[in-house]
Amino acid sequence: MLCYDHENVSFFYNHSKKNISEQWHTKDVVVVSLGLLVSAFVIFTNILVMLAIFMNRRFHYPIYYLLGNLAAADLFAGISYMYLMFHTGPWTIKLSVQQWFVRQGLVDTSLTASVINLMAIALERHQTIFTMQLHSKMTNHRVVLLIVGIWLIAIVLGLVPSMGWNCLCDVQLCSNMAPLYSRSYLVFWAVLNLLTFTVMVAVYTRIFVYVRHKSRRMSQHTSQVKHKETVVNLMKTVVMILGCFVVCWTPGLVLLLLDGLCKSCKVLTYEKFFLVLAECNSFMNPIIYSYRDNDMRDTFKRLLCFPCVGWQQKDGQSGVRFNTLEQEARDGDGVQEDGSS
C-alpha cells in the first residue's frame, strides 16, 4: 500500500479541495483575530478559577477539585487554540505532516478533556444529591485517579489519528475539514461526544426530577418561598448548562458528521466559525459552574483586588448549584424558627 506520509500538507489539502490561503484575506484576519481574543479570555478566566480553588480552603472538596480540573482542561484548550491560530491561514502551507498532527492533536485532546470533565461533574452531582450529602465522600486518592483517567482518555483520543487512524495511506478516505484525518475517525469522535451529551442530559434530567419530587415532600418543613427558589434556581442552572453545551457544540458536531458521512457536502464554509463557537464553551464553563457560587465570586473579587469589597469567610455553603435538599431544609427551618421567635 502506497503511503503519502512524506508529502507536505498542501498535497492533502489539494486532494480534499480545501484551499490554503497564500495571502491574508479579510476572512482569515477576522477568524484569527476572533480566535486569539477568545483564547485569551479562556486562558484568563480559567487561571482565575484555578487560583480561587487553590487559595480558598472552602473549595478543597471533590466537586471543586473536578471544577479545577475542568478549568485546567479549558485552560489547555485556550492555549491549544491559540497555538492553532498561529499555525492556520497562510501559515498552514509551511507545516509538515507531523506538525499538522501536533496542531490538531492538541485541540482534540483539550476539547475532549473538557467534555469528559463536564460529564464527570454531572455524575458527581448525581451521586451527591441522591445520597443527600453536601459534598461527595470520594477520597482524594479516588479524585486523583479520576482526574488522571480523564486526561489519559483525552490524550489517547488526541493521539489516535497520528498513531494510524488517518488517511495517509488512503487519500480517498480523507476528510474535507481535516484533510489528514480519516472520515471514519471524525464520525467516531462526533458520535462519542454526542453520546456524552446524551448522558449529561439524562443525568441532569434525573437530578431535576428527583429534587422537584423531594422538595415537594419537604415543603411542609420549609417556607414556600424557599421551596420555589430551590426548584427555580436548579432549573435555571440545568438549562444554562445544557443550553450552553448545545449551542456551542451541536453545530460543530453536526458538521463533523456531515463531513464524515457525506463526501460531497459543502462543510468548509462555516467550519472555522463553528470551531470558535465550540471553544467559547471553555470560557462559559467558569461562568456557569463557578460564578453562580457566592464564595467563588467573593474569591474572584479578592483576586482581582477590588478595594471596595471586604473579604469575609462565611459559615454556610453558598450557591444553589452545590447545595443539597438537606441543606435547603436546614436553612428553611432556621428561617421559620427566627420568624417564630
C-alpha atoms as a PDB file:
ATOM      1  CA  MET A   1       0.000   0.000   0.000  1.00  0.00           C
ATOM      2  CA  LEU A   2       1.362   3.383  -1.026  1.00  0.00           C
ATOM      3  CA  CYS A   3       1.507   5.913   1.804  1.00  0.00           C
ATOM      4  CA  TYR A   4       1.996   9.669   1.465  1.00  0.00           C
ATOM      5  CA  ASP A   5       3.470  10.421   4.876  1.00  0.00           C
ATOM      6  CA  HIS A   6       6.438  12.169   3.264  1.00  0.00           C
ATOM      7  CA  GLU A   7       4.242  14.585   1.311  1.00  0.00           C
ATOM      8  CA  ASN A   8       3.641  18.104   2.560  1.00  0.00           C
ATOM      9  CA  VAL A   9       0.343  19.320   3.973  1.00  0.00           C
ATOM     10  CA  SER A  10      -0.639  21.106   0.763  1.00  0.00           C
ATOM     11  CA  PHE A  11      -0.805  17.746  -1.051  1.00  0.00           C
ATOM     12  CA  PHE A  12      -3.652  16.556   1.189  1.00  0.00           C
ATOM     13  CA  TYR A  13      -5.395  19.926   1.161  1.00  0.00           C
ATOM     14  CA  ASN A  14      -5.364  19.990  -2.642  1.00  0.00           C
ATOM     15  CA  HIS A  15      -6.734  16.439  -2.767  1.00  0.00           C
ATOM     16  CA  SER A  16      -9.565  17.356  -0.364  1.00  0.00           C
ATOM     17  CA  LYS A  17     -10.179  20.571  -2.302  1.00  0.00           C
ATOM     18  CA  LYS A  18      -9.640  22.649   0.821  1.00  0.00           C
ATOM     19  CA  ASN A  19      -7.870  25.796  -0.200  1.00  0.00           C
ATOM     20  CA  ILE A  20      -4.871  27.108   1.718  1.00  0.00           C
ATOM     21  CA  SER A  21      -4.672  30.882   1.527  1.00  0.00           C
ATOM     22  CA  GLU A  22      -1.295  32.052   0.272  1.00  0.00           C
ATOM     23  CA  GLN A  23      -2.124  35.612   1.278  1.00  0.00           C
ATOM     24  CA  TRP A  24      -4.085  37.095   4.156  1.00  0.00           C
ATOM     25  CA  HIS A  25      -7.700  37.801   3.253  1.00  0.00           C
ATOM     26  CA  THR A  26     -10.379  39.545   5.300  1.00  0.00           C
ATOM     27  CA  LYS A  27     -11.944  36.238   6.409  1.00  0.00           C
ATOM     28  CA  ASP A  28      -8.573  34.913   7.581  1.00  0.00           C
ATOM     29  CA  VAL A  29      -7.864  38.048   9.605  1.00  0.00           C
ATOM     30  CA  VAL A  30     -11.343  38.003  11.191  1.00  0.00           C
ATOM     31  CA  VAL A  31     -11.148  34.322  12.132  1.00  0.00           C
ATOM     32  CA  VAL A  32      -7.625  34.562  13.578  1.00  0.00           C
ATOM     33  CA  SER A  33      -8.396  37.799  15.458  1.00  0.00           C
ATOM     34  CA  LEU A  34     -11.594  36.368  16.901  1.00  0.00           C
ATOM     35  CA  GLY A  35      -9.839  33.123  17.780  1.00  0.00           C
ATOM     36  CA  LEU A  36      -6.994  34.899  19.594  1.00  0.00           C
ATOM     37  CA  LEU A  37      -9.469  37.059  21.526  1.00  0.00           C
ATOM     38  CA  VAL A  38     -11.487  34.031  22.633  1.00  0.00           C
ATOM     39  CA  SER A  39      -8.316  32.136  23.539  1.00  0.00           C
ATOM     40  CA  ALA A  40      -7.005  34.990  25.686  1.00  0.00           C
ATOM     41  CA  PHE A  41     -10.307  35.227  27.557  1.00  0.00           C
ATOM     42  CA  VAL A  42     -10.422  31.447  28.058  1.00  0.00           C
ATOM     43  CA  ILE A  43      -6.895  31.454  29.498  1.00  0.00           C
ATOM     44  CA  PHE A  44      -7.611  34.381  31.827  1.00  0.00           C
ATOM     45  CA  THR A  45     -10.932  33.108  33.227  1.00  0.00           C
ATOM     46  CA  ASN A  46      -9.709  29.584  33.846  1.00  0.00           C
ATOM     47  CA  ILE A  47      -6.496  30.724  35.548  1.00  0.00           C
ATOM     48  CA  LEU A  48      -8.748  32.808  37.796  1.00  0.00           C
ATOM     49  CA  VAL A  49     -10.838  29.750  38.678  1.00  0.00           C
ATOM     50  CA  MET A  50      -7.781  27.594  39.419  1.00  0.00           C
ATOM     51  CA  LEU A  51      -6.261  30.294  41.644  1.00  0.00           C
ATOM     52  CA  ALA A  52      -9.549  30.715  43.515  1.00  0.00           C
ATOM     53  CA  ILE A  53      -9.827  26.988  44.214  1.00  0.00           C
ATOM     54  CA  PHE A  54      -6.190  26.836  45.328  1.00  0.00           C
ATOM     55  CA  MET A  55      -6.379  29.869  47.647  1.00  0.00           C
ATOM     56  CA  ASN A  56      -9.738  29.279  49.330  1.00  0.00           C
ATOM     57  CA  ARG A  57      -9.773  26.247  51.633  1.00  0.00           C
ATOM     58  CA  ARG A  58     -13.558  26.144  51.438  1.00  0.00           C
ATOM     59  CA  PHE A  59     -13.110  24.764  47.922  1.00  0.00           C
ATOM     60  CA  HIS A  60     -10.958  21.807  48.970  1.00  0.00           C
ATOM     61  CA  TYR A  61     -13.660  19.217  48.221  1.00  0.00           C
ATOM     62  CA  PRO A  62     -14.089  16.686  45.373  1.00  0.00           C
ATOM     63  CA  ILE A  63     -16.587  18.801  43.416  1.00  0.00           C
ATOM     64  CA  TYR A  64     -14.208  21.766  43.409  1.00  0.00           C
ATOM     65  CA  TYR A  65     -11.244  19.568  42.518  1.00  0.00           C
ATOM     66  CA  LEU A  66     -13.229  18.464  39.466  1.00  0.00           C
ATOM     67  CA  LEU A  67     -14.069  22.100  38.729  1.00  0.00           C
ATOM     68  CA  GLY A  68     -10.372  22.887  38.974  1.00  0.00           C
ATOM     69  CA  ASN A  69      -9.608  20.073  36.566  1.00  0.00           C
ATOM     70  CA  LEU A  70     -12.289  21.386  34.230  1.00  0.00           C
ATOM     71  CA  ALA A  71     -10.623  24.790  34.405  1.00  0.00           C
ATOM     72  CA  ALA A  72      -7.257  23.143  33.666  1.00  0.00           C
ATOM     73  CA  ALA A  73      -8.755  21.380  30.635  1.00  0.00           C
ATOM     74  CA  ASP A  74     -10.308  24.603  29.400  1.00  0.00           C
ATOM     75  CA  LEU A  75      -7.035  26.455  30.047  1.00  0.00           C
ATOM     76  CA  PHE A  76      -5.257  23.859  27.915  1.00  0.00           C
ATOM     77  CA  ALA A  77      -7.975  24.327  25.291  1.00  0.00           C
ATOM     78  CA  GLY A  78      -7.302  28.064  25.236  1.00  0.00           C
ATOM     79  CA  ILE A  79      -3.544  27.515  24.857  1.00  0.00           C
ATOM     80  CA  SER A  80      -4.072  24.850  22.172  1.00  0.00           C
ATOM     81  CA  TYR A  81      -6.447  27.054  20.228  1.00  0.00           C
ATOM     82  CA  MET A  82      -4.055  29.996  20.438  1.00  0.00           C
ATOM     83  CA  TYR A  83      -1.344  27.695  19.054  1.00  0.00           C
ATOM     84  CA  LEU A  84      -3.754  26.739  16.266  1.00  0.00           C
ATOM     85  CA  MET A  85      -4.381  30.395  15.423  1.00  0.00           C
ATOM     86  CA  PHE A  86      -0.623  30.924  14.916  1.00  0.00           C
ATOM     87  CA  HIS A  87      -0.480  27.912  12.585  1.00  0.00           C
ATOM     88  CA  THR A  88      -3.528  28.469  10.401  1.00  0.00           C
ATOM     89  CA  GLY A  89      -4.397  30.519   7.326  1.00  0.00           C
ATOM     90  CA  PRO A  90      -1.357  31.179   5.090  1.00  0.00           C
ATOM     91  CA  TRP A  91       0.881  29.647   7.787  1.00  0.00           C
ATOM     92  CA  THR A  92      -0.668  26.211   7.193  1.00  0.00           C
ATOM     93  CA  ILE A  93       1.248  25.614   3.966  1.00  0.00           C
ATOM     94  CA  LYS A  94       4.535  25.739   5.897  1.00  0.00           C
ATOM     95  CA  LEU A  95       3.563  22.864   8.224  1.00  0.00           C
ATOM     96  CA  SER A  96       4.925  19.354   7.910  1.00  0.00           C
ATOM     97  CA  VAL A  97       2.622  16.352   8.361  1.00  0.00           C
ATOM     98  CA  GLN A  98       3.945  15.820  11.902  1.00  0.00           C
ATOM     99  CA  GLN A  99       3.426  19.491  12.810  1.00  0.00           C
ATOM    100  CA  TRP A 100      -0.118  19.359  11.478  1.00  0.00           C
ATOM    101  CA  PHE A 101      -0.915  16.313  13.645  1.00  0.00           C
ATOM    102  CA  VAL A 102       0.528  18.112  16.679  1.00  0.00           C
ATOM    103  CA  ARG A 103      -1.662  21.134  15.967  1.00  0.00           C
ATOM    104  CA  GLN A 104      -4.841  19.096  15.635  1.00  0.00           C
ATOM    105  CA  GLY A 105      -3.941  16.669  18.429  1.00  0.00           C
ATOM    106  CA  LEU A 106      -3.602  19.485  20.975  1.00  0.00           C
ATOM    107  CA  VAL A 107      -7.052  20.810  20.120  1.00  0.00           C
ATOM    108  CA  ASP A 108      -8.658  17.340  20.133  1.00  0.00           C
ATOM    109  CA  THR A 109      -7.082  16.445  23.487  1.00  0.00           C
ATOM    110  CA  SER A 110      -8.073  19.673  25.215  1.00  0.00           C
ATOM    111  CA  LEU A 111     -11.656  19.749  23.952  1.00  0.00           C
ATOM    112  CA  THR A 112     -12.154  16.049  24.755  1.00  0.00           C
ATOM    113  CA  ALA A 113     -10.823  16.587  28.293  1.00  0.00           C
ATOM    114  CA  SER A 114     -13.218  19.489  28.766  1.00  0.00           C
ATOM    115  CA  VAL A 115     -16.238  17.446  27.662  1.00  0.00           C
ATOM    116  CA  ILE A 116     -15.309  14.415  29.814  1.00  0.00           C
ATOM    117  CA  ASN A 117     -14.863  16.729  32.793  1.00  0.00           C
ATOM    118  CA  LEU A 118     -18.355  18.091  32.281  1.00  0.00           C
ATOM    119  CA  MET A 119     -19.729  14.556  32.398  1.00  0.00           C
ATOM    120  CA  ALA A 120     -17.663  13.706  35.486  1.00  0.00           C
ATOM    121  CA  ILE A 121     -19.088  16.743  37.302  1.00  0.00           C
ATOM    122  CA  ALA A 122     -22.608  15.716  36.305  1.00  0.00           C
ATOM    123  CA  LEU A 123     -22.070  12.204  37.675  1.00  0.00           C
ATOM    124  CA  GLU A 124     -20.555  13.566  40.908  1.00  0.00           C
ATOM    125  CA  ARG A 125     -23.563  15.832  41.453  1.00  0.00           C
ATOM    126  CA  HIS A 126     -25.879  12.892  40.757  1.00  0.00           C
ATOM    127  CA  GLN A 127     -24.193  10.725  43.376  1.00  0.00           C
ATOM    128  CA  THR A 128     -24.074  13.535  45.946  1.00  0.00           C
ATOM    129  CA  ILE A 129     -27.651  14.722  45.622  1.00  0.00           C
ATOM    130  CA  PHE A 130     -29.140  11.227  45.614  1.00  0.00           C
ATOM    131  CA  THR A 131     -27.331  10.435  48.882  1.00  0.00           C
ATOM    132  CA  MET A 132     -28.469  13.756  50.392  1.00  0.00           C
ATOM    133  CA  GLN A 133     -24.906  14.975  51.016  1.00  0.00           C
ATOM    134  CA  LEU A 134     -23.473  18.458  50.783  1.00  0.00           C
ATOM    135  CA  HIS A 135     -20.157  17.126  49.497  1.00  0.00           C
ATOM    136  CA  SER A 136     -19.147  13.815  47.987  1.00  0.00           C
ATOM    137  CA  LYS A 137     -17.416  11.302  50.281  1.00  0.00           C
ATOM    138  CA  MET A 138     -14.998  10.471  47.479  1.00  0.00           C
ATOM    139  CA  THR A 139     -11.454  10.307  48.837  1.00  0.00           C
ATOM    140  CA  ASN A 140      -8.655  12.484  47.493  1.00  0.00           C
ATOM    141  CA  HIS A 141      -6.996   9.326  46.145  1.00  0.00           C
ATOM    142  CA  ARG A 142     -10.063   8.478  44.068  1.00  0.00           C
ATOM    143  CA  VAL A 143     -10.386  12.048  42.841  1.00  0.00           C
ATOM    144  CA  VAL A 144      -6.769  11.971  41.666  1.00  0.00           C
ATOM    145  CA  LEU A 145      -7.353   8.638  39.912  1.00  0.00           C
ATOM    146  CA  LEU A 146     -10.467  10.047  38.231  1.00  0.00           C
ATOM    147  CA  ILE A 147      -8.606  13.145  37.048  1.00  0.00           C
ATOM    148  CA  VAL A 148      -5.704  11.042  35.748  1.00  0.00           C
ATOM    149  CA  GLY A 149      -8.192   8.769  33.947  1.00  0.00           C
ATOM    150  CA  ILE A 150      -9.856  11.769  32.308  1.00  0.00           C
ATOM    151  CA  TRP A 151      -6.553  13.031  30.937  1.00  0.00           C
ATOM    152  CA  LEU A 152      -5.417   9.585  29.800  1.00  0.00           C
ATOM    153  CA  ILE A 153      -8.611   9.134  27.781  1.00  0.00           C
ATOM    154  CA  ALA A 154      -8.303  12.633  26.303  1.00  0.00           C
ATOM    155  CA  ILE A 155      -4.630  12.134  25.375  1.00  0.00           C
ATOM    156  CA  VAL A 156      -5.308   8.742  23.763  1.00  0.00           C
ATOM    157  CA  LEU A 157      -8.156  10.158  21.690  1.00  0.00           C
ATOM    158  CA  GLY A 158      -5.924  13.068  20.682  1.00  0.00           C
ATOM    159  CA  LEU A 159      -3.107  10.729  19.607  1.00  0.00           C
ATOM    160  CA  VAL A 160      -5.250   8.151  17.774  1.00  0.00           C
ATOM    161  CA  PRO A 161      -5.122   9.901  14.357  1.00  0.00           C
ATOM    162  CA  SER A 162      -1.342  10.313  14.422  1.00  0.00           C
ATOM    163  CA  MET A 163      -0.962   6.681  15.523  1.00  0.00           C
ATOM    164  CA  GLY A 164      -2.677   5.322  12.433  1.00  0.00           C
ATOM    165  CA  TRP A 165      -6.337   6.301  12.214  1.00  0.00           C
ATOM    166  CA  ASN A 166      -5.698   8.714   9.371  1.00  0.00           C
ATOM    167  CA  CYS A 167      -5.761   8.766   5.585  1.00  0.00           C
ATOM    168  CA  LEU A 168      -2.037   8.987   4.834  1.00  0.00           C
ATOM    169  CA  CYS A 169      -2.191   5.593   3.090  1.00  0.00           C
ATOM    170  CA  ASP A 170      -5.640   6.020   1.513  1.00  0.00           C
ATOM    171  CA  VAL A 171      -6.330   9.565   0.392  1.00  0.00           C
ATOM    172  CA  GLN A 172      -9.809   8.557  -0.785  1.00  0.00           C
ATOM    173  CA  LEU A 173     -10.851   8.398   2.867  1.00  0.00           C
ATOM    174  CA  CYS A 174      -9.570  11.874   3.716  1.00  0.00           C
ATOM    175  CA  SER A 175     -11.877  14.368   5.372  1.00  0.00           C
ATOM    176  CA  ASN A 176     -12.663  17.738   3.843  1.00  0.00           C
ATOM    177  CA  MET A 177     -12.495  19.680   7.110  1.00  0.00           C
ATOM    178  CA  ALA A 178      -9.346  17.921   8.410  1.00  0.00           C
ATOM    179  CA  PRO A 179      -7.592  16.719   5.233  1.00  0.00           C
ATOM    180  CA  LEU A 180      -5.197  14.327   7.004  1.00  0.00           C
ATOM    181  CA  TYR A 181      -7.913  12.732   9.160  1.00  0.00           C
ATOM    182  CA  SER A 182      -9.965   9.754   8.110  1.00  0.00           C
ATOM    183  CA  ARG A 183     -13.668  10.492   7.769  1.00  0.00           C
ATOM    184  CA  SER A 184     -14.437   7.470   9.944  1.00  0.00           C
ATOM    185  CA  TYR A 185     -12.453   8.983  12.831  1.00  0.00           C
ATOM    186  CA  LEU A 186     -14.432  12.209  12.614  1.00  0.00           C
ATOM    187  CA  VAL A 187     -17.673  10.225  12.746  1.00  0.00           C
ATOM    188  CA  PHE A 188     -16.367   8.304  15.766  1.00  0.00           C
ATOM    189  CA  TRP A 189     -15.324  11.478  17.596  1.00  0.00           C
ATOM    190  CA  ALA A 190     -18.610  13.251  16.861  1.00  0.00           C
ATOM    191  CA  VAL A 191     -20.743  10.269  17.920  1.00  0.00           C
ATOM    192  CA  LEU A 192     -18.695   9.839  21.110  1.00  0.00           C
ATOM    193  CA  ASN A 193     -19.300  13.454  22.078  1.00  0.00           C
ATOM    194  CA  LEU A 194     -22.993  13.223  21.233  1.00  0.00           C
ATOM    195  CA  LEU A 195     -23.279  10.146  23.466  1.00  0.00           C
ATOM    196  CA  THR A 196     -21.546  12.087  26.248  1.00  0.00           C
ATOM    197  CA  PHE A 197     -24.030  14.891  25.766  1.00  0.00           C
ATOM    198  CA  THR A 198     -26.909  12.404  25.921  1.00  0.00           C
ATOM    199  CA  VAL A 199     -25.604  11.020  29.226  1.00  0.00           C
ATOM    200  CA  MET A 200     -25.377  14.556  30.632  1.00  0.00           C
ATOM    201  CA  VAL A 201     -28.956  15.287  29.582  1.00  0.00           C
ATOM    202  CA  ALA A 202     -30.169  12.089  31.224  1.00  0.00           C
ATOM    203  CA  VAL A 203     -28.230  12.724  34.449  1.00  0.00           C
ATOM    204  CA  TYR A 204     -29.341  16.324  34.898  1.00  0.00           C
ATOM    205  CA  THR A 205     -32.919  15.477  33.983  1.00  0.00           C
ATOM    206  CA  ARG A 206     -32.988  12.763  36.649  1.00  0.00           C
ATOM    207  CA  ILE A 207     -31.460  15.164  39.184  1.00  0.00           C
ATOM    208  CA  PHE A 208     -34.077  17.802  38.428  1.00  0.00           C
ATOM    209  CA  VAL A 209     -36.991  15.337  38.667  1.00  0.00           C
ATOM    210  CA  TYR A 210     -35.638  13.946  41.943  1.00  0.00           C
ATOM    211  CA  VAL A 211     -35.063  17.381  43.507  1.00  0.00           C
ATOM    212  CA  ARG A 212     -38.508  18.584  42.481  1.00  0.00           C
ATOM    213  CA  HIS A 213     -40.095  15.451  43.976  1.00  0.00           C
ATOM    214  CA  LYS A 214     -38.133  15.713  47.218  1.00  0.00           C
ATOM    215  CA  SER A 215     -38.727  19.435  47.560  1.00  0.00           C
ATOM    216  CA  ARG A 216     -42.484  18.867  47.361  1.00  0.00           C
ATOM    217  CA  ARG A 217     -42.317  16.274  50.121  1.00  0.00           C
ATOM    218  CA  MET A 218     -40.158  18.550  52.263  1.00  0.00           C
ATOM    219  CA  SER A 219     -42.179  21.676  51.615  1.00  0.00           C
ATOM    220  CA  GLN A 220     -44.074  21.244  54.899  1.00  0.00           C
ATOM    221  CA  HIS A 221     -40.776  21.776  56.741  1.00  0.00           C
ATOM    222  CA  THR A 222     -39.635  24.753  54.718  1.00  0.00           C
ATOM    223  CA  SER A 223     -41.135  28.023  53.632  1.00  0.00           C
ATOM    224  CA  GLN A 224     -42.977  28.084  50.313  1.00  0.00           C
ATOM    225  CA  VAL A 225     -40.656  30.818  49.099  1.00  0.00           C
ATOM    226  CA  LYS A 226     -37.577  28.724  49.844  1.00  0.00           C
ATOM    227  CA  HIS A 227     -39.140  25.728  48.112  1.00  0.00           C
ATOM    228  CA  LYS A 228     -39.917  27.737  44.995  1.00  0.00           C
ATOM    229  CA  GLU A 229     -36.466  29.348  44.861  1.00  0.00           C
ATOM    230  CA  THR A 230     -34.742  25.959  45.138  1.00  0.00           C
ATOM    231  CA  VAL A 231     -36.653  24.450  42.218  1.00  0.00           C
ATOM    232  CA  VAL A 232     -36.446  27.546  40.007  1.00  0.00           C
ATOM    233  CA  ASN A 233     -32.722  28.071  40.611  1.00  0.00           C
ATOM    234  CA  LEU A 234     -31.920  24.433  39.912  1.00  0.00           C
ATOM    235  CA  MET A 235     -33.963  24.607  36.703  1.00  0.00           C
ATOM    236  CA  LYS A 236     -32.069  27.728  35.617  1.00  0.00           C
ATOM    237  CA  THR A 237     -28.719  26.061  36.301  1.00  0.00           C
ATOM    238  CA  VAL A 238     -29.640  22.914  34.366  1.00  0.00           C
ATOM    239  CA  VAL A 239     -30.988  24.941  31.442  1.00  0.00           C
ATOM    240  CA  MET A 240     -27.822  27.070  31.371  1.00  0.00           C
ATOM    241  CA  ILE A 241     -25.518  24.035  31.447  1.00  0.00           C
ATOM    242  CA  LEU A 242     -27.337  22.068  28.773  1.00  0.00           C
ATOM    243  CA  GLY A 243     -28.210  25.129  26.707  1.00  0.00           C
ATOM    244  CA  CYS A 244     -24.595  26.323  26.580  1.00  0.00           C
ATOM    245  CA  PHE A 245     -23.385  22.867  25.607  1.00  0.00           C
ATOM    246  CA  VAL A 246     -25.995  22.520  22.862  1.00  0.00           C
ATOM    247  CA  VAL A 247     -25.399  25.987  21.424  1.00  0.00           C
ATOM    248  CA  CYS A 248     -21.595  25.709  21.453  1.00  0.00           C
ATOM    249  CA  TRP A 249     -21.106  22.098  20.349  1.00  0.00           C
ATOM    250  CA  THR A 250     -24.062  20.987  18.233  1.00  0.00           C
ATOM    251  CA  PRO A 251     -23.169  22.974  15.074  1.00  0.00           C
ATOM    252  CA  GLY A 252     -19.603  21.652  15.023  1.00  0.00           C
ATOM    253  CA  LEU A 253     -20.607  18.051  15.803  1.00  0.00           C
ATOM    254  CA  VAL A 254     -23.252  18.083  13.075  1.00  0.00           C
ATOM    255  CA  LEU A 255     -20.681  19.478  10.656  1.00  0.00           C
ATOM    256  CA  LEU A 256     -18.235  16.687  11.578  1.00  0.00           C
ATOM    257  CA  LEU A 257     -20.922  14.060  10.999  1.00  0.00           C
ATOM    258  CA  LEU A 258     -21.775  15.576   7.618  1.00  0.00           C
ATOM    259  CA  ASP A 259     -18.103  15.638   6.666  1.00  0.00           C
ATOM    260  CA  GLY A 260     -17.683  12.006   7.682  1.00  0.00           C
ATOM    261  CA  LEU A 261     -20.869  10.655   6.121  1.00  0.00           C
ATOM    262  CA  CYS A 262     -21.305  12.893   3.083  1.00  0.00           C
ATOM    263  CA  LYS A 263     -18.230  13.428   0.936  1.00  0.00           C
ATOM    264  CA  SER A 264     -19.997  15.818  -1.436  1.00  0.00           C
ATOM    265  CA  CYS A 265     -21.479  18.058   1.296  1.00  0.00           C
ATOM    266  CA  LYS A 266     -20.080  21.589   1.459  1.00  0.00           C
ATOM    267  CA  VAL A 267     -18.857  21.781   5.047  1.00  0.00           C
ATOM    268  CA  LEU A 268     -15.958  24.200   4.703  1.00  0.00           C
ATOM    269  CA  THR A 269     -17.885  27.465   4.640  1.00  0.00           C
ATOM    270  CA  TYR A 270     -18.555  27.729   8.375  1.00  0.00           C
ATOM    271  CA  GLU A 271     -16.067  25.268   9.885  1.00  0.00           C
ATOM    272  CA  LYS A 272     -13.735  27.837  11.437  1.00  0.00           C
ATOM    273  CA  PHE A 273     -16.573  29.852  12.942  1.00  0.00           C
ATOM    274  CA  PHE A 274     -18.100  26.691  14.419  1.00  0.00           C
ATOM    275  CA  LEU A 275     -14.710  25.801  15.910  1.00  0.00           C
ATOM    276  CA  VAL A 276     -14.583  29.234  17.567  1.00  0.00           C
ATOM    277  CA  LEU A 277     -18.119  28.655  18.859  1.00  0.00           C
ATOM    278  CA  ALA A 278     -17.098  25.298  20.370  1.00  0.00           C
ATOM    279  CA  GLU A 279     -14.122  26.972  22.007  1.00  0.00           C
ATOM    280  CA  CYS A 280     -16.463  29.533  23.584  1.00  0.00           C
ATOM    281  CA  ASN A 281     -17.819  26.722  25.760  1.00  0.00           C
ATOM    282  CA  SER A 282     -14.442  26.695  27.526  1.00  0.00           C
ATOM    283  CA  PHE A 283     -14.924  30.196  28.937  1.00  0.00           C
ATOM    284  CA  MET A 284     -18.632  29.716  29.579  1.00  0.00           C
ATOM    285  CA  ASN A 285     -17.870  26.831  31.949  1.00  0.00           C
ATOM    286  CA  PRO A 286     -16.228  29.036  34.618  1.00  0.00           C
ATOM    287  CA  ILE A 287     -19.186  31.407  34.460  1.00  0.00           C
ATOM    288  CA  ILE A 288     -21.821  28.686  34.844  1.00  0.00           C
ATOM    289  CA  TYR A 289     -20.097  26.361  37.295  1.00  0.00           C
ATOM    290  CA  SER A 290     -18.206  28.895  39.382  1.00  0.00           C
ATOM    291  CA  TYR A 291     -19.654  32.382  39.188  1.00  0.00           C
ATOM    292  CA  ARG A 292     -23.035  31.167  40.483  1.00  0.00           C
ATOM    293  CA  ASP A 293     -21.334  30.217  43.758  1.00  0.00           C
ATOM    294  CA  ASN A 294     -21.146  33.227  46.081  1.00  0.00           C
ATOM    295  CA  ASP A 295     -17.919  32.100  47.752  1.00  0.00           C
ATOM    296  CA  MET A 296     -16.270  31.660  44.371  1.00  0.00           C
ATOM    297  CA  ARG A 297     -17.458  35.097  43.316  1.00  0.00           C
ATOM    298  CA  ASP A 298     -16.035  36.650  46.510  1.00  0.00           C
ATOM    299  CA  THR A 299     -12.722  34.900  45.863  1.00  0.00           C
ATOM    300  CA  PHE A 300     -12.681  36.302  42.326  1.00  0.00           C
ATOM    301  CA  LYS A 301     -13.180  39.790  43.730  1.00  0.00           C
ATOM    302  CA  ARG A 302     -10.298  39.308  46.131  1.00  0.00           C
ATOM    303  CA  LEU A 303      -8.020  38.046  43.370  1.00  0.00           C
ATOM    304  CA  LEU A 304      -8.939  40.990  41.170  1.00  0.00           C
ATOM    305  CA  CYS A 305      -8.116  43.356  44.061  1.00  0.00           C
ATOM    306  CA  PHE A 306     -11.472  45.051  44.403  1.00  0.00           C
ATOM    307  CA  PRO A 307     -10.682  47.581  47.208  1.00  0.00           C
ATOM    308  CA  CYS A 308     -14.307  48.304  47.979  1.00  0.00           C
ATOM    309  CA  VAL A 309     -15.261  44.689  48.653  1.00  0.00           C
ATOM    310  CA  GLY A 310     -14.374  43.150  52.011  1.00  0.00           C
ATOM    311  CA  TRP A 311     -13.153  39.572  52.282  1.00  0.00           C
ATOM    312  CA  GLN A 312     -15.204  37.539  54.696  1.00  0.00           C
ATOM    313  CA  GLN A 313     -15.476  33.821  55.183  1.00  0.00           C
ATOM    314  CA  LYS A 314     -18.984  32.536  55.725  1.00  0.00           C
ATOM    315  CA  ASP A 315     -20.037  29.616  57.865  1.00  0.00           C
ATOM    316  CA  GLY A 316     -22.588  28.219  55.444  1.00  0.00           C
ATOM    317  CA  GLN A 317     -22.010  26.863  51.984  1.00  0.00           C
ATOM    318  CA  SER A 318     -23.391  29.309  49.475  1.00  0.00           C
ATOM    319  CA  GLY A 319     -24.665  28.775  45.982  1.00  0.00           C
ATOM    320  CA  VAL A 320     -27.707  26.828  44.881  1.00  0.00           C
ATOM    321  CA  ARG A 321     -25.676  24.787  42.426  1.00  0.00           C
ATOM    322  CA  PHE A 322     -23.773  22.926  45.131  1.00  0.00           C
ATOM    323  CA  ASN A 323     -26.397  22.710  47.878  1.00  0.00           C
ATOM    324  CA  THR A 324     -28.471  19.623  48.566  1.00  0.00           C
ATOM    325  CA  LEU A 325     -32.060  19.391  49.711  1.00  0.00           C
ATOM    326  CA  GLU A 326     -30.905  18.530  53.212  1.00  0.00           C
ATOM    327  CA  GLN A 327     -29.033  21.822  53.374  1.00  0.00           C
ATOM    328  CA  GLU A 328     -32.019  23.686  51.949  1.00  0.00           C
ATOM    329  CA  ALA A 329     -34.272  22.121  54.609  1.00  0.00           C
ATOM    330  CA  ARG A 330     -31.948  23.219  57.423  1.00  0.00           C
ATOM    331  CA  ASP A 331     -31.831  26.738  56.017  1.00  0.00           C
ATOM    332  CA  GLY A 332     -35.614  26.837  55.680  1.00  0.00           C
ATOM    333  CA  ASP A 333     -36.197  25.537  59.200  1.00  0.00           C
ATOM    334  CA  GLY A 334     -33.824  28.179  60.526  1.00  0.00           C
ATOM    335  CA  VAL A 335     -35.839  30.877  58.785  1.00  0.00           C
ATOM    336  CA  GLN A 336     -39.061  29.584  60.339  1.00  0.00           C
ATOM    337  CA  GLU A 337     -37.539  29.454  63.829  1.00  0.00           C
ATOM    338  CA  ASP A 338     -36.278  33.004  63.542  1.00  0.00           C
ATOM    339  CA  GLY A 339     -39.700  34.148  62.410  1.00  0.00           C
ATOM    340  CA  SER A 340     -41.494  32.409  65.289  1.00  0.00           C
ATOM    341  CA  SER A 341     -39.101  33.776  67.932  1.00  0.00           C
END
